[in-house]
Amino acid sequence: MSRAMNLALPESEVRRLCLSQGVGISVVEPLPSGGTRLVCTTGIGADEMRLRLRGHLIDGAVTRHRFYRPPGAKDGY
């Protein structure tokens, strides 16, 4: 199963819930239509968050920012 999911929750709430469950975040990004895309670091963590947040999952395809860069991201490696 995928480690990624789209949630009808604000980013701050997604981060808080992952922290409270001890689930690592690989990527988190806002969705243009509202909500948050979450990619967990492990499949087990993603399964846990899907169970806990099943009422907030967005079904189907969503539009994402084409070149999203988190605030404060720097160029380079």
N, C-alpha and C. Protein backbone atom coordinates (compact mmCIF):
# COMPACT_ATOMS: atom_id res chain seq x y z
N MET A 1 0.84 -1.18 0.00
CA MET A 1 0.00 0.00 0.00
C MET A 1 0.89 1.24 0.00
N SER A 2 0.37 2.32 -0.52
CA SER A 2 1.11 3.57 -0.63
C SER A 2 1.35 4.22 0.73
N ARG A 3 2.46 4.93 0.83
CA ARG A 3 2.74 5.69 2.04
C ARG A 3 2.10 7.07 1.99
N ALA A 4 1.51 7.44 0.85
CA ALA A 4 0.94 8.77 0.64
C ALA A 4 -0.58 8.76 0.82
N MET A 5 -1.10 9.87 1.31
CA MET A 5 -2.55 10.05 1.44
C MET A 5 -2.88 11.53 1.42
N ASN A 6 -4.09 11.83 1.00
CA ASN A 6 -4.59 13.21 0.99
C ASN A 6 -5.66 13.32 2.06
N LEU A 7 -5.52 14.35 2.88
CA LEU A 7 -6.39 14.51 4.04
C LEU A 7 -7.10 15.86 4.04
N ALA A 8 -8.33 15.88 4.47
CA ALA A 8 -9.11 17.10 4.60
C ALA A 8 -8.87 17.69 6.00
N LEU A 9 -7.61 17.98 6.27
CA LEU A 9 -7.19 18.57 7.55
C LEU A 9 -6.09 19.58 7.27
N PRO A 10 -5.94 20.59 8.12
CA PRO A 10 -4.83 21.53 7.95
C PRO A 10 -3.49 20.86 8.29
N GLU A 11 -2.43 21.37 7.70
CA GLU A 11 -1.09 20.81 7.90
C GLU A 11 -0.71 20.73 9.37
N SER A 12 -1.01 21.76 10.13
CA SER A 12 -0.64 21.76 11.55
C SER A 12 -1.30 20.61 12.30
N GLU A 13 -2.54 20.30 11.98
CA GLU A 13 -3.25 19.20 12.62
C GLU A 13 -2.65 17.85 12.21
N VAL A 14 -2.31 17.71 10.94
CA VAL A 14 -1.68 16.47 10.45
C VAL A 14 -0.35 16.24 11.16
N ARG A 15 0.46 17.28 11.26
CA ARG A 15 1.75 17.16 11.96
C ARG A 15 1.55 16.78 13.43
N ARG A 16 0.59 17.41 14.07
CA ARG A 16 0.33 17.13 15.49
C ARG A 16 -0.11 15.68 15.69
N LEU A 17 -1.00 15.20 14.84
CA LEU A 17 -1.49 13.83 14.96
C LEU A 17 -0.39 12.81 14.69
N CYS A 18 0.45 13.06 13.71
CA CYS A 18 1.57 12.15 13.43
C CYS A 18 2.53 12.11 14.61
N LEU A 19 2.83 13.26 15.17
CA LEU A 19 3.72 13.32 16.33
C LEU A 19 3.14 12.55 17.51
N SER A 20 1.84 12.73 17.75
CA SER A 20 1.22 12.06 18.89
C SER A 20 1.20 10.53 18.72
N GLN A 21 1.22 10.06 17.48
CA GLN A 21 1.21 8.62 17.21
C GLN A 21 2.62 8.06 16.96
N GLY A 22 3.62 8.93 16.95
CA GLY A 22 4.99 8.49 16.70
C GLY A 22 5.22 8.06 15.26
N VAL A 23 4.48 8.65 14.33
CA VAL A 23 4.60 8.33 12.91
C VAL A 23 5.48 9.37 12.23
N GLY A 24 6.53 8.91 11.56
CA GLY A 24 7.45 9.81 10.87
C GLY A 24 6.86 10.33 9.57
N ILE A 25 7.16 11.59 9.28
CA ILE A 25 6.69 12.26 8.08
C ILE A 25 7.84 12.37 7.09
N SER A 26 7.61 11.88 5.88
CA SER A 26 8.59 12.05 4.81
C SER A 26 8.35 13.38 4.10
N VAL A 27 7.09 13.62 3.74
CA VAL A 27 6.70 14.87 3.05
C VAL A 27 5.32 15.26 3.52
N VAL A 28 5.14 16.56 3.70
CA VAL A 28 3.81 17.10 3.97
C VAL A 28 3.69 18.38 3.15
N GLU A 29 2.58 18.52 2.42
CA GLU A 29 2.40 19.71 1.59
C GLU A 29 0.93 20.10 1.55
N PRO A 30 0.66 21.40 1.47
CA PRO A 30 -0.74 21.84 1.37
C PRO A 30 -1.28 21.54 -0.02
N LEU A 31 -2.58 21.31 -0.10
CA LEU A 31 -3.24 21.11 -1.39
C LEU A 31 -3.93 22.40 -1.80
N PRO A 32 -3.87 22.79 -3.08
CA PRO A 32 -4.48 24.05 -3.52
C PRO A 32 -5.97 24.15 -3.18
N SER A 33 -6.68 23.03 -3.18
CA SER A 33 -8.11 23.06 -2.92
C SER A 33 -8.44 22.96 -1.43
N GLY A 34 -7.40 22.91 -0.61
CA GLY A 34 -7.57 22.76 0.83
C GLY A 34 -7.21 21.35 1.25
N GLY A 35 -6.74 21.22 2.44
CA GLY A 35 -6.30 19.92 2.92
C GLY A 35 -4.80 19.76 2.81
N THR A 36 -4.33 18.56 3.07
CA THR A 36 -2.90 18.29 3.15
C THR A 36 -2.57 16.95 2.54
N ARG A 37 -1.46 16.89 1.82
CA ARG A 37 -0.92 15.62 1.32
C ARG A 37 0.14 15.18 2.31
N LEU A 38 0.01 13.96 2.78
CA LEU A 38 0.95 13.39 3.75
C LEU A 38 1.60 12.17 3.15
N VAL A 39 2.93 12.09 3.25
CA VAL A 39 3.67 10.89 2.89
C VAL A 39 4.43 10.47 4.15
N CYS A 40 4.10 9.32 4.68
CA CYS A 40 4.75 8.81 5.88
C CYS A 40 6.07 8.12 5.51
N THR A 41 6.96 8.00 6.47
CA THR A 41 8.26 7.37 6.20
C THR A 41 8.16 5.86 6.07
N THR A 42 7.14 5.25 6.66
CA THR A 42 6.98 3.80 6.56
C THR A 42 5.55 3.44 6.18
N GLY A 43 5.40 2.28 5.59
CA GLY A 43 4.07 1.79 5.26
C GLY A 43 3.24 1.51 6.50
N ILE A 44 3.89 1.05 7.56
CA ILE A 44 3.18 0.77 8.82
C ILE A 44 2.63 2.08 9.40
N GLY A 45 3.43 3.13 9.36
CA GLY A 45 2.97 4.43 9.84
C GLY A 45 1.81 4.95 9.01
N ALA A 46 1.88 4.75 7.69
CA ALA A 46 0.80 5.19 6.80
C ALA A 46 -0.49 4.41 7.11
N ASP A 47 -0.37 3.11 7.33
CA ASP A 47 -1.55 2.31 7.67
C ASP A 47 -2.17 2.80 8.98
N GLU A 48 -1.33 3.12 9.96
CA GLU A 48 -1.82 3.63 11.25
C GLU A 48 -2.58 4.93 11.07
N MET A 49 -2.02 5.85 10.28
CA MET A 49 -2.67 7.14 10.08
C MET A 49 -3.96 6.98 9.27
N ARG A 50 -3.98 6.08 8.30
CA ARG A 50 -5.22 5.83 7.55
C ARG A 50 -6.33 5.34 8.46
N LEU A 51 -5.99 4.45 9.39
CA LEU A 51 -6.99 3.96 10.34
C LEU A 51 -7.49 5.08 11.24
N ARG A 52 -6.58 5.87 11.76
CA ARG A 52 -6.97 6.94 12.69
C ARG A 52 -7.69 8.09 12.01
N LEU A 53 -7.36 8.34 10.74
CA LEU A 53 -7.91 9.50 10.04
C LEU A 53 -8.85 9.12 8.90
N ARG A 54 -9.43 7.93 8.97
CA ARG A 54 -10.26 7.44 7.86
C ARG A 54 -11.42 8.38 7.52
N GLY A 55 -11.92 9.10 8.48
CA GLY A 55 -13.00 10.05 8.22
C GLY A 55 -12.55 11.33 7.53
N HIS A 56 -11.23 11.53 7.42
CA HIS A 56 -10.68 12.75 6.81
C HIS A 56 -9.97 12.48 5.49
N LEU A 57 -9.96 11.21 5.03
CA LEU A 57 -9.29 10.88 3.77
C LEU A 57 -10.05 11.46 2.59
N ILE A 58 -9.33 12.01 1.64
CA ILE A 58 -9.91 12.54 0.41
C ILE A 58 -9.80 11.43 -0.63
N ASP A 59 -10.92 10.98 -1.16
CA ASP A 59 -10.93 9.94 -2.18
C ASP A 59 -10.69 10.55 -3.56
N GLY A 60 -10.08 9.79 -4.43
CA GLY A 60 -9.89 10.22 -5.82
C GLY A 60 -8.70 11.13 -5.99
N ALA A 61 -8.56 11.60 -7.21
CA ALA A 61 -7.42 12.46 -7.57
C ALA A 61 -7.62 13.87 -7.03
N VAL A 62 -6.53 14.49 -6.65
CA VAL A 62 -6.55 15.89 -6.21
C VAL A 62 -5.52 16.67 -7.01
N THR A 63 -5.72 17.96 -7.11
CA THR A 63 -4.75 18.83 -7.76
C THR A 63 -3.68 19.20 -6.75
N ARG A 64 -2.43 19.09 -7.17
CA ARG A 64 -1.31 19.47 -6.30
C ARG A 64 -0.57 20.64 -6.91
N HIS A 65 0.21 21.36 -6.10
CA HIS A 65 1.06 22.42 -6.61
C HIS A 65 2.10 21.80 -7.53
N ARG A 66 2.33 22.40 -8.66
CA ARG A 66 3.26 21.82 -9.63
C ARG A 66 4.69 21.77 -9.10
N PHE A 67 5.17 22.84 -8.52
CA PHE A 67 6.54 22.89 -7.99
C PHE A 67 6.50 23.41 -6.57
N TYR A 68 5.97 22.62 -5.67
CA TYR A 68 5.86 23.06 -4.28
C TYR A 68 7.20 22.98 -3.59
N ARG A 69 7.58 24.09 -2.92
CA ARG A 69 8.77 24.12 -2.07
C ARG A 69 8.35 24.61 -0.70
N PRO A 70 8.65 23.86 0.32
CA PRO A 70 8.26 24.30 1.67
C PRO A 70 8.92 25.63 2.02
N PRO A 71 8.26 26.45 2.81
CA PRO A 71 8.86 27.71 3.24
C PRO A 71 10.20 27.43 3.91
N GLY A 72 11.20 28.22 3.57
CA GLY A 72 12.53 28.08 4.18
C GLY A 72 13.43 27.08 3.47
N ALA A 73 12.93 26.42 2.40
CA ALA A 73 13.76 25.45 1.67
C ALA A 73 14.88 26.18 0.95
N LYS A 74 16.03 25.59 0.90
CA LYS A 74 17.19 26.21 0.26
C LYS A 74 17.63 25.36 -0.94
N ASP A 75 18.26 26.00 -1.89
CA ASP A 75 18.82 25.28 -3.04
C ASP A 75 20.08 24.56 -2.59
N GLY A 76 20.42 23.52 -3.32
CA GLY A 76 21.66 22.79 -3.01
C GLY A 76 21.37 21.49 -2.33
N TYR A 77 22.42 20.83 -1.90
CA TYR A 77 22.29 19.50 -1.31
C TYR A 77 22.73 19.47 0.12
